[in-house]
Amino acid sequence: MSLSSEQREKLLRQAVGLIRVHSMDVPSMIMLGTVGPLAFFLSQMLLLVQPLFGWDGAGWLSGGGAALLEEPANVDRLLTQLERGRE
């Protein structure tokens, strides 16, 4: 699924919001920094296991969140936005 820049920015804001609401900034930054090169594979795994756990991150995955994580550049953008909030 290809995302427009507007969709990408909206999903990035939603992801950052979800991460911050649950105080998962630091663990998320560690995970994203570690698994960035595997982003496409992991996004597909999220889609696969999500129904098993009944978790959709407030509609984030089904709303395009997994598509956002398919591109390593988007993972870098997410990491950058999380780091900005820690300054």
Protein backbone atom coordinates (compact mmCIF):
# COMPACT_ATOMS: atom_id res chain seq x y z
CA MET A 1 0.00 0.00 0.00
CA SER A 2 1.48 3.32 -1.03
CA LEU A 3 0.90 6.26 1.29
CA SER A 4 0.58 9.88 0.31
CA SER A 5 2.72 12.34 2.27
CA GLU A 6 -0.42 13.56 4.06
CA GLN A 7 -1.37 10.02 5.09
CA ARG A 8 2.19 9.31 6.19
CA GLU A 9 2.34 12.43 8.38
CA LYS A 10 -1.04 11.64 9.94
CA LEU A 11 0.03 8.08 10.75
CA LEU A 12 3.35 9.30 12.16
CA ARG A 13 1.51 11.73 14.47
CA GLN A 14 -0.86 8.95 15.56
CA ALA A 15 2.02 6.55 16.24
CA VAL A 16 3.93 9.12 18.28
CA GLY A 17 0.75 9.92 20.20
CA LEU A 18 0.05 6.27 21.01
CA ILE A 19 3.64 5.69 22.08
CA ARG A 20 3.67 8.75 24.34
CA VAL A 21 0.26 8.06 25.91
CA HIS A 22 1.62 4.73 27.10
CA SER A 23 5.01 6.19 28.14
CA MET A 24 6.84 3.90 25.74
CA ASP A 25 9.17 6.53 24.22
CA VAL A 26 12.50 4.99 25.24
CA PRO A 27 11.59 1.32 24.62
CA SER A 28 10.16 2.30 21.23
CA MET A 29 13.28 4.23 20.26
CA ILE A 30 15.47 1.27 21.22
CA MET A 31 13.29 -1.16 19.27
CA LEU A 32 13.01 1.06 16.20
CA GLY A 33 16.75 1.70 16.15
CA THR A 34 17.46 -2.01 16.39
CA VAL A 35 14.95 -3.43 13.93
CA GLY A 36 14.80 -0.60 11.39
CA PRO A 37 16.32 -2.68 8.57
CA LEU A 38 13.69 -5.37 9.13
CA ALA A 39 10.80 -2.90 8.98
CA PHE A 40 9.01 -4.45 6.00
CA PHE A 41 9.12 -7.97 7.42
CA LEU A 42 7.99 -6.81 10.85
CA SER A 43 5.12 -4.76 9.44
CA GLN A 44 3.82 -7.89 7.76
CA MET A 45 4.21 -9.84 11.00
CA LEU A 46 2.14 -7.20 12.81
CA LEU A 47 -0.67 -7.77 10.34
CA LEU A 48 -0.39 -11.51 10.81
CA VAL A 49 -0.46 -11.62 14.62
CA GLN A 50 -2.78 -8.68 15.29
CA PRO A 51 -5.99 -10.75 14.97
CA LEU A 52 -4.58 -13.34 17.39
CA PHE A 53 -4.20 -10.77 20.14
CA GLY A 54 -7.22 -8.66 19.27
CA TRP A 55 -5.09 -5.54 19.35
CA ASP A 56 -5.25 -2.85 16.72
CA GLY A 57 -3.59 0.10 18.42
CA ALA A 58 -6.77 2.18 18.39
CA GLY A 59 -7.29 1.37 14.71
CA TRP A 60 -3.75 2.34 13.82
CA LEU A 61 -2.71 -0.94 12.17
CA SER A 62 -5.84 -1.36 10.08
CA GLY A 63 -5.77 2.35 9.26
CA GLY A 64 -2.42 2.09 7.47
CA GLY A 65 0.07 1.85 10.31
CA ALA A 66 1.56 -1.36 8.99
CA ALA A 67 1.95 0.25 5.56
CA LEU A 68 3.81 3.10 7.24
CA LEU A 69 6.29 0.67 8.75
CA GLU A 70 6.93 -1.07 5.42
CA GLU A 71 9.42 1.62 4.39
CA PRO A 72 12.62 1.99 6.44
CA ALA A 73 12.62 5.76 5.74
CA ASN A 74 9.30 6.05 7.59
CA VAL A 75 10.76 4.16 10.55
CA ASP A 76 13.59 6.71 10.59
CA ARG A 77 11.02 9.54 10.52
CA LEU A 78 9.17 8.00 13.44
CA LEU A 79 12.39 7.60 15.39
CA THR A 80 13.33 11.24 14.68
CA GLN A 81 9.94 12.50 15.92
CA LEU A 82 10.24 10.44 19.11
CA GLU A 83 13.75 11.78 19.73
CA ARG A 84 12.54 15.38 19.28
CA GLY A 85 10.03 14.89 22.06
CA ARG A 86 12.77 13.76 24.46
CA GLU A 87 14.82 16.97 24.10
